[in-house]
PDB file of N, CA and C in Angstrom:
ATOM      1  N   UNK A   1      81.146 120.426 103.172  1.00  0.00           N
ATOM      2  CA  UNK A   1      82.472 119.798 103.371  1.00  0.00           C
ATOM      3  C   UNK A   1      82.306 118.720 104.290  1.00  0.00           C
ATOM      4  N   UNK A   2      82.974 117.976 104.306  1.00  0.00           N
ATOM      5  CA  UNK A   2      83.181 116.892 105.314  1.00  0.00           C
ATOM      6  C   UNK A   2      84.239 117.041 106.578  1.00  0.00           C
ATOM      7  N   UNK A   3      83.839 117.041 108.035  1.00  0.00           N
ATOM      8  CA  UNK A   3      84.667 117.191 108.500  1.00  0.00           C
ATOM      9  C   UNK A   3      84.654 116.366 109.764  1.00  0.00           C
ATOM     10  N   UNK A   4      86.188 115.717 109.950  1.00  0.00           N
ATOM     11  CA  UNK A   4      86.594 114.527 110.662  1.00  0.00           C
ATOM     12  C   UNK A   4      86.098 114.934 112.516  1.00  0.00           C
ATOM     13  N   UNK A   5      85.377 114.447 112.658  1.00  0.00           N
ATOM     14  CA  UNK A   5      85.492 113.945 114.343  1.00  0.00           C
ATOM     15  C   UNK A   5      86.693 113.850 114.885  1.00  0.00           C
ATOM     16  N   UNK A   6      86.890 114.530 115.669  1.00  0.00           N
ATOM     17  CA  UNK A   6      88.412 113.864 116.760  1.00  0.00           C
ATOM     18  C   UNK A   6      88.160 112.438 117.273  1.00  0.00           C
ATOM     19  N   UNK A   7      87.135 112.430 118.282  1.00  0.00           N
ATOM     20  CA  UNK A   7      86.053 111.635 118.941  1.00  0.00           C
ATOM     21  C   UNK A   7      86.439 110.329 118.097  1.00  0.00           C
ATOM     22  N   UNK A   8      85.730 110.162 116.604  1.00  0.00           N
ATOM     23  CA  UNK A   8      85.875 108.880 116.217  1.00  0.00           C
ATOM     24  C   UNK A   8      87.441 108.654 115.217  1.00  0.00           C
ATOM     25  N   UNK A   9      87.876 109.425 115.453  1.00  0.00           N
ATOM     26  CA  UNK A   9      89.758 109.117 114.545  1.00  0.00           C
ATOM     27  C   UNK A   9      90.375 108.685 116.168  1.00  0.00           C
ATOM     28  N   UNK A  10      90.008 108.193 117.388  1.00  0.00           N
ATOM     29  CA  UNK A  10      91.170 107.661 117.879  1.00  0.00           C
ATOM     30  C   UNK A  10      92.162 106.199 117.393  1.00  0.00           C
ATOM     31  N   UNK A  11      90.816 105.246 116.446  1.00  0.00           N
ATOM     32  CA  UNK A  11      91.464 104.387 116.014  1.00  0.00           C
ATOM     33  C   UNK A  11      92.553 104.295 114.866  1.00  0.00           C
ATOM     34  N   UNK A  12      91.698 105.143 114.251  1.00  0.00           N
ATOM     35  CA  UNK A  12      92.801 106.219 112.955  1.00  0.00           C
ATOM     36  C   UNK A  12      94.095 106.881 113.691  1.00  0.00           C
ATOM     37  N   UNK A  13      94.179 107.458 114.621  1.00  0.00           N
ATOM     38  CA  UNK A  13      95.388 107.924 114.910  1.00  0.00           C
ATOM     39  C   UNK A  13      96.219 106.921 115.686  1.00  0.00           C
ATOM     40  N   UNK A  14      95.906 105.872 116.525  1.00  0.00           N
ATOM     41  CA  UNK A  14      96.494 104.978 116.748  1.00  0.00           C
ATOM     42  C   UNK A  14      97.301 103.882 115.476  1.00  0.00           C
ATOM     43  N   UNK A  15      96.584 103.436 114.719  1.00  0.00           N
ATOM     44  CA  UNK A  15      97.212 103.091 113.479  1.00  0.00           C
ATOM     45  C   UNK A  15      97.887 103.983 112.357  1.00  0.00           C
ATOM     46  N   UNK A  16      97.961 104.993 112.798  1.00  0.00           N
ATOM     47  CA  UNK A  16      98.937 106.390 112.294  1.00  0.00           C
ATOM     48  C   UNK A  16     100.418 106.241 112.979  1.00  0.00           C
ATOM     49  N   UNK A  17     100.178 106.211 114.255  1.00  0.00           N
ATOM     50  CA  UNK A  17     101.438 106.459 115.314  1.00  0.00           C
ATOM     51  C   UNK A  17     101.720 104.380 114.994  1.00  0.00           C
ATOM     52  N   UNK A  18     101.302 103.722 114.954  1.00  0.00           N
ATOM     53  CA  UNK A  18     101.756 102.461 114.574  1.00  0.00           C
ATOM     54  C   UNK A  18     102.573 102.586 113.144  1.00  0.00           C
ATOM     55  N   UNK A  19     101.766 103.328 112.114  1.00  0.00           N
ATOM     56  CA  UNK A  19     102.923 103.364 111.147  1.00  0.00           C
ATOM     57  C   UNK A  19     104.402 104.216 110.920  1.00  0.00           C
ATOM     58  N   UNK A  20     103.624 104.789 111.981  1.00  0.00           N
ATOM     59  CA  UNK A  20     105.069 105.974 112.103  1.00  0.00           C
ATOM     60  C   UNK A  20     106.513 105.269 112.787  1.00  0.00           C
ATOM     61  N   UNK A  21     105.701 104.546 113.677  1.00  0.00           N
ATOM     62  CA  UNK A  21     106.929 103.731 114.049  1.00  0.00           C
ATOM     63  C   UNK A  21     107.513 102.293 113.609  1.00  0.00           C
ATOM     64  N   UNK A  22     106.641 102.012 112.538  1.00  0.00           N
ATOM     65  CA  UNK A  22     107.482 100.971 111.455  1.00  0.00           C
ATOM     66  C   UNK A  22     108.420 101.871 110.705  1.00  0.00           C
ATOM     67  N   UNK A  23     107.476 102.959 110.141  1.00  0.00           N
ATOM     68  CA  UNK A  23     108.735 103.517 109.431  1.00  0.00           C
ATOM     69  C   UNK A  23     110.008 104.126 110.050  1.00  0.00           C
ATOM     70  N   UNK A  24     109.688 104.210 111.372  1.00  0.00           N
ATOM     71  CA  UNK A  24     110.873 104.647 111.934  1.00  0.00           C
ATOM     72  C   UNK A  24     112.166 103.092 111.995  1.00  0.00           C
ATOM     73  N   UNK A  25     111.469 102.094 112.133  1.00  0.00           N
ATOM     74  CA  UNK A  25     112.098 100.918 112.507  1.00  0.00           C
ATOM     75  C   UNK A  25     112.339 100.140 110.917  1.00  0.00           C
ATOM     76  N   UNK A  26     111.868 101.029 109.821  1.00  0.00           N
ATOM     77  CA  UNK A  26     112.757 100.482 108.384  1.00  0.00           C
ATOM     78  C   UNK A  26     113.708 101.388 108.553  1.00  0.00           C
ATOM     79  N   UNK A  27     113.354 102.669 108.774  1.00  0.00           N
ATOM     80  CA  UNK A  27     115.051 103.468 108.148  1.00  0.00           C
ATOM     81  C   UNK A  27     116.120 102.871 109.650  1.00  0.00           C
ATOM     82  N   UNK A  28     115.792 102.478 110.528  1.00  0.00           N
ATOM     83  CA  UNK A  28     116.673 101.864 111.546  1.00  0.00           C
ATOM     84  C   UNK A  28     117.050 100.578 110.590  1.00  0.00           C
ATOM     85  N   UNK A  29     116.185  99.452 110.143  1.00  0.00           N
ATOM     86  CA  UNK A  29     116.746  98.172 109.326  1.00  0.00           C
ATOM     87  C   UNK A  29     117.977  98.922 108.220  1.00  0.00           C
ATOM     88  N   UNK A  30     117.686  99.522 107.352  1.00  0.00           N
ATOM     89  CA  UNK A  30     118.548 100.063 106.644  1.00  0.00           C
ATOM     90  C   UNK A  30     119.681 100.615 107.317  1.00  0.00           C
ATOM     91  N   UNK A  31     119.572 101.935 107.849  1.00  0.00           N
ATOM     92  CA  UNK A  31     120.909 102.558 108.509  1.00  0.00           C
ATOM     93  C   UNK A  31     121.593 100.844 109.346  1.00  0.00           C
ATOM     94  N   UNK A  32     121.238  99.904 109.769  1.00  0.00           N
ATOM     95  CA  UNK A  32     121.772  98.940 110.256  1.00  0.00           C
ATOM     96  C   UNK A  32     122.805  97.895 109.958  1.00  0.00           C
ATOM     97  N   UNK A  33     121.723  98.004 108.132  1.00  0.00           N
ATOM     98  CA  UNK A  33     122.338  97.128 107.128  1.00  0.00           C
ATOM     99  C   UNK A  33     122.156  95.558 106.821  1.00  0.00           C
ATOM    100  N   UNK A  34     120.610  95.832 107.331  1.00  0.00           N
ATOM    101  CA  UNK A  34     119.807  94.598 107.349  1.00  0.00           C
ATOM    102  C   UNK A  34     119.483  94.020 106.057  1.00  0.00           C
ATOM    103  N   UNK A  35     119.148  92.695 106.224  1.00  0.00           N
ATOM    104  CA  UNK A  35     118.882  92.243 104.674  1.00  0.00           C
ATOM    105  C   UNK A  35     117.782  92.874 104.504  1.00  0.00           C
ATOM    106  N   UNK A  36     117.495  92.718 102.999  1.00  0.00           N
ATOM    107  CA  UNK A  36     116.092  92.973 101.948  1.00  0.00           C
ATOM    108  C   UNK A  36     115.107  92.719 102.557  1.00  0.00           C
ATOM    109  N   UNK A  37     114.857  91.539 102.727  1.00  0.00           N
ATOM    110  CA  UNK A  37     114.012  90.381 103.509  1.00  0.00           C
ATOM    111  C   UNK A  37     113.067  91.762 104.630  1.00  0.00           C
ATOM    112  N   UNK A  38     114.127  91.786 105.690  1.00  0.00           N
ATOM    113  CA  UNK A  38     113.563  92.370 106.669  1.00  0.00           C
ATOM    114  C   UNK A  38     113.228  93.498 106.627  1.00  0.00           C
ATOM    115  N   UNK A  39     113.807  94.397 105.547  1.00  0.00           N
ATOM    116  CA  UNK A  39     113.447  95.893 105.511  1.00  0.00           C
ATOM    117  C   UNK A  39     112.263  95.755 104.558  1.00  0.00           C
ATOM    118  N   UNK A  40     111.950  95.182 103.428  1.00  0.00           N
ATOM    119  CA  UNK A  40     110.740  95.642 102.885  1.00  0.00           C
ATOM    120  C   UNK A  40     109.800  94.714 103.281  1.00  0.00           C
ATOM    121  N   UNK A  41     109.612  93.556 104.204  1.00  0.00           N
ATOM    122  CA  UNK A  41     108.663  93.391 105.547  1.00  0.00           C
ATOM    123  C   UNK A  41     107.780  94.259 106.233  1.00  0.00           C
ATOM    124  N   UNK A  42     108.895  95.075 106.764  1.00  0.00           N
ATOM    125  CA  UNK A  42     108.782  96.187 108.128  1.00  0.00           C
ATOM    126  C   UNK A  42     108.278  97.691 106.973  1.00  0.00           C
ATOM    127  N   UNK A  43     108.709  97.577 105.884  1.00  0.00           N
ATOM    128  CA  UNK A  43     107.511  98.843 104.669  1.00  0.00           C
ATOM    129  C   UNK A  43     106.340  98.327 104.399  1.00  0.00           C
ATOM    130  N   UNK A  44     106.195  96.942 103.704  1.00  0.00           N
ATOM    131  CA  UNK A  44     105.125  96.683 103.719  1.00  0.00           C
ATOM    132  C   UNK A  44     103.962  96.652 104.773  1.00  0.00           C
ATOM    133  N   UNK A  45     104.348  96.414 105.987  1.00  0.00           N
ATOM    134  CA  UNK A  45     103.496  96.553 107.029  1.00  0.00           C
ATOM    135  C   UNK A  45     102.822  97.881 107.371  1.00  0.00           C
ATOM    136  N   UNK A  46     103.836  99.193 107.071  1.00  0.00           N
ATOM    137  CA  UNK A  46     103.648 100.335 107.266  1.00  0.00           C
ATOM    138  C   UNK A  46     102.963 100.807 105.880  1.00  0.00           C
ATOM    139  N   UNK A  47     103.101 100.144 104.477  1.00  0.00           N
ATOM    140  CA  UNK A  47     102.371 100.417 103.610  1.00  0.00           C
ATOM    141  C   UNK A  47     100.509 100.058 104.270  1.00  0.00           C
ATOM    142  N   UNK A  48     100.415  99.304 104.289  1.00  0.00           N
ATOM    143  CA  UNK A  48      99.129  98.525 104.922  1.00  0.00           C
ATOM    144  C   UNK A  48      98.247  99.385 105.787  1.00  0.00           C
ATOM    145  N   UNK A  49      99.658  99.697 106.890  1.00  0.00           N
ATOM    146  CA  UNK A  49      98.905 100.708 108.128  1.00  0.00           C
ATOM    147  C   UNK A  49      98.306 102.005 107.671  1.00  0.00           C
ATOM    148  N   UNK A  50      98.846 102.550 106.788  1.00  0.00           N
ATOM    149  CA  UNK A  50      98.783 103.864 105.903  1.00  0.00           C
ATOM    150  C   UNK A  50      97.442 103.815 105.410  1.00  0.00           C
ATOM    151  N   UNK A  51      97.640 102.743 104.641  1.00  0.00           N
ATOM    152  CA  UNK A  51      96.010 102.552 103.892  1.00  0.00           C
ATOM    153  C   UNK A  51      94.944 102.336 104.298  1.00  0.00           C
ATOM    154  N   UNK A  52      94.996 101.338 105.447  1.00  0.00           N
ATOM    155  CA  UNK A  52      93.607 100.843 106.463  1.00  0.00           C
ATOM    156  C   UNK A  52      93.360 102.425 107.220  1.00  0.00           C
ATOM    157  N   UNK A  53      94.465 103.220 107.425  1.00  0.00           N
ATOM    158  CA  UNK A  53      93.883 104.630 108.148  1.00  0.00           C
ATOM    159  C   UNK A  53      93.259 105.386 107.236  1.00  0.00           C
ATOM    160  N   UNK A  54      94.154 105.584 105.761  1.00  0.00           N
ATOM    161  CA  UNK A  54      93.037 106.114 104.648  1.00  0.00           C
ATOM    162  C   UNK A  54      91.739 105.854 104.663  1.00  0.00           C
ATOM    163  N   UNK A  55      91.498 104.228 104.614  1.00  0.00           N
ATOM    164  CA  UNK A  55      90.046 103.588 104.440  1.00  0.00           C
ATOM    165  C   UNK A  55      89.314 104.326 105.432  1.00  0.00           C
ATOM    166  N   UNK A  56      89.594 104.264 106.191  1.00  0.00           N
ATOM    167  CA  UNK A  56      89.084 104.515 108.028  1.00  0.00           C
ATOM    168  C   UNK A  56      88.890 106.205 107.818  1.00  0.00           C
ATOM    169  N   UNK A  57      89.696 107.016 107.047  1.00  0.00           N
ATOM    170  CA  UNK A  57      89.341 108.300 107.298  1.00  0.00           C
ATOM    171  C   UNK A  57      88.196 108.409 106.392  1.00  0.00           C
ATOM    172  N   UNK A  58      88.288 107.714 105.186  1.00  0.00           N
ATOM    173  CA  UNK A  58      86.779 107.808 104.113  1.00  0.00           C
ATOM    174  C   UNK A  58      85.850 107.384 104.386  1.00  0.00           C
ATOM    175  N   UNK A  59      85.853 106.141 104.873  1.00  0.00           N
ATOM    176  CA  UNK A  59      84.650 105.679 105.185  1.00  0.00           C
ATOM    177  C   UNK A  59      83.753 106.107 106.632  1.00  0.00           C
ATOM    178  N   UNK A  60      84.708 106.974 107.098  1.00  0.00           N
ATOM    179  CA  UNK A  60      84.259 108.077 107.733  1.00  0.00           C
ATOM    180  C   UNK A  60      83.482 109.506 107.622  1.00  0.00           C
ATOM    181  N   UNK A  61      84.232 109.706 106.496  1.00  0.00           N
ATOM    182  CA  UNK A  61      83.385 110.916 105.460  1.00  0.00           C
ATOM    183  C   UNK A  61      82.408 110.548 104.764  1.00  0.00           C
ATOM    184  N   UNK A  62      82.282 109.080 104.508  1.00  0.00           N
ATOM    185  CA  UNK A  62      80.941 108.202 103.695  1.00  0.00           C
ATOM    186  C   UNK A  62      80.030 108.787 104.285  1.00  0.00           C
ATOM    187  N   UNK A  63      80.549 108.147 105.782  1.00  0.00           N
ATOM    188  CA  UNK A  63      78.797 107.543 106.451  1.00  0.00           C
ATOM    189  C   UNK A  63      78.482 108.709 107.243  1.00  0.00           C
ATOM    190  N   UNK A  64      79.467 110.407 107.503  1.00  0.00           N
ATOM    191  CA  UNK A  64      78.607 111.375 107.753  1.00  0.00           C
ATOM    192  C   UNK A  64      77.880 111.801 106.081  1.00  0.00           C
ATOM    193  N   UNK A  65      78.296 111.564 105.469  1.00  0.00           N
ATOM    194  CA  UNK A  65      77.703 112.126 104.074  1.00  0.00           C
ATOM    195  C   UNK A  65      76.149 111.449 103.831  1.00  0.00           C
ATOM    196  N   UNK A  66      76.217 110.217 104.272  1.00  0.00           N
ATOM    197  CA  UNK A  66      74.746 109.432 104.271  1.00  0.00           C
ATOM    198  C   UNK A  66      73.888 109.842 105.244  1.00  0.00           C
ATOM    199  N   UNK A  67      74.298 110.430 106.684  1.00  0.00           N
ATOM    200  CA  UNK A  67      73.631 110.222 107.856  1.00  0.00           C
ATOM    201  C   UNK A  67      73.222 111.800 107.724  1.00  0.00           C
ATOM    202  N   UNK A  68      73.831 112.909 106.771  1.00  0.00           N
ATOM    203  CA  UNK A  68      73.445 114.195 107.111  1.00  0.00           C
ATOM    204  C   UNK A  68      72.122 114.347 106.506  1.00  0.00           C
ATOM    205  N   UNK A  69      71.485 115.170 107.522  1.00  0.00           N
ATOM    206  CA  UNK A  69      70.112 115.174 107.668  1.00  0.00           C
ATOM    207  C   UNK A  69      69.456 116.309 106.427  1.00  0.00           C
ATOM    208  N   UNK A  70      70.392 116.683 106.028  1.00  0.00           N
ATOM    209  CA  UNK A  70      69.996 117.943 104.711  1.00  0.00           C
ATOM    210  C   UNK A  70      70.497 117.280 103.547  1.00  0.00           C
ATOM    211  N   UNK A  71      71.176 116.053 103.368  1.00  0.00           N
ATOM    212  CA  UNK A  71      71.049 115.205 102.774  1.00  0.00           C
ATOM    213  C   UNK A  71      72.542 115.328 102.017  1.00  0.00           C
ATOM    214  N   UNK A  72      73.085 114.916 100.816  1.00  0.00           N
ATOM    215  CA  UNK A  72      74.394 114.642 100.494  1.00  0.00           C
ATOM    216  C   UNK A  72      74.548 115.357  99.575  1.00  0.00           C
ATOM    217  N   UNK A  73      75.636 117.092  99.578  1.00  0.00           N
ATOM    218  CA  UNK A  73      75.380 117.661  99.434  1.00  0.00           C
ATOM    219  C   UNK A  73      76.512 117.230  97.897  1.00  0.00           C
ATOM    220  N   UNK A  74      76.383 117.493  96.386  1.00  0.00           N
ATOM    221  CA  UNK A  74      76.946 117.339  95.564  1.00  0.00           C
ATOM    222  C   UNK A  74      78.972 117.201  95.581  1.00  0.00           C
ATOM    223  N   UNK A  75      79.061 117.651  95.760  1.00  0.00           N
ATOM    224  CA  UNK A  75      80.328 118.699  95.885  1.00  0.00           C
ATOM    225  C   UNK A  75      81.088 117.293  96.788  1.00  0.00           C
ATOM    226  N   UNK A  76      80.364 117.285  98.107  1.00  0.00           N
ATOM    227  CA  UNK A  76      81.357 116.377  99.038  1.00  0.00           C
ATOM    228  C   UNK A  76      81.161 115.017  98.607  1.00  0.00           C
ATOM    229  N   UNK A  77      79.857 114.521  97.807  1.00  0.00           N
ATOM    230  CA  UNK A  77      80.120 113.123  97.314  1.00  0.00           C
ATOM    231  C   UNK A  77      81.256 112.969  96.165  1.00  0.00           C
ATOM    232  N   UNK A  78      81.398 114.106  95.562  1.00  0.00           N
ATOM    233  CA  UNK A  78      82.801 113.960  94.486  1.00  0.00           C
ATOM    234  C   UNK A  78      83.632 114.151  95.212  1.00  0.00           C
ATOM    235  N   UNK A  79      83.928 114.971  96.177  1.00  0.00           N
ATOM    236  CA  UNK A  79      85.016 114.899  96.800  1.00  0.00           C
ATOM    237  C   UNK A  79      85.384 113.593  97.273  1.00  0.00           C
ATOM    238  N   UNK A  80      84.621 112.844  97.814  1.00  0.00           N
ATOM    239  CA  UNK A  80      84.752 111.857  98.847  1.00  0.00           C
ATOM    240  C   UNK A  80      84.933 110.501  98.113  1.00  0.00           C
ATOM    241  N   UNK A  81      84.670 110.649  96.754  1.00  0.00           N
ATOM    242  CA  UNK A  81      84.579 109.748  95.457  1.00  0.00           C
ATOM    243  C   UNK A  81      86.105 109.536  95.497  1.00  0.00           C
ATOM    244  N   UNK A  82      86.473 110.830  95.233  1.00  0.00           N
ATOM    245  CA  UNK A  82      88.411 111.081  94.590  1.00  0.00           C
ATOM    246  C   UNK A  82      88.888 110.804  95.601  1.00  0.00           C
ATOM    247  N   UNK A  83      88.436 111.078  96.889  1.00  0.00           N
ATOM    248  CA  UNK A  83      89.823 110.465  98.085  1.00  0.00           C
ATOM    249  C   UNK A  83      90.050 108.992  98.082  1.00  0.00           C
ATOM    250  N   UNK A  84      88.710 108.353  97.843  1.00  0.00           N
ATOM    251  CA  UNK A  84      87.993 107.101  97.414  1.00  0.00           C
ATOM    252  C   UNK A  84      89.240 106.473  96.890  1.00  0.00           C
ATOM    253  N   UNK A  85      89.150 107.021  95.239  1.00  0.00           N
ATOM    254  CA  UNK A  85      90.076 106.677  94.363  1.00  0.00           C
ATOM    255  C   UNK A  85      91.201 106.746  94.388  1.00  0.00           C
ATOM    256  N   UNK A  86      91.943 107.936  95.249  1.00  0.00           N
ATOM    257  CA  UNK A  86      93.134 107.975  95.628  1.00  0.00           C
ATOM    258  C   UNK A  86      94.401 107.191  96.126  1.00  0.00           C
ATOM    259  N   UNK A  87      93.189 106.433  97.393  1.00  0.00           N
ATOM    260  CA  UNK A  87      93.431 105.281  98.013  1.00  0.00           C
ATOM    261  C   UNK A  87      93.725 103.739  97.427  1.00  0.00           C
ATOM    262  N   UNK A  88      92.874 103.690  96.086  1.00  0.00           N
ATOM    263  CA  UNK A  88      92.376 102.135  95.176  1.00  0.00           C
ATOM    264  C   UNK A  88      93.598 102.045  94.654  1.00  0.00           C
TER     265      UNK A  88
END
């Protein structure tokens, strides 16, 4: 099983906090009746931030699989592949 190291997840957490703020911005824009372009632009930025966070998590998991001294467990390999494809 691949377990995330909290110390390596600092940049991911920052990215997720940024996405959280962007989603709050989207809600405010909609509540204020702002232009569609502004809403979609902000929503796209939040989506990109979430995608990047997801890929960073998968990359960390893959790195752990590749550097494991006991080798790669086939179940872990399959799980990481499924996670990657979920984001693709």
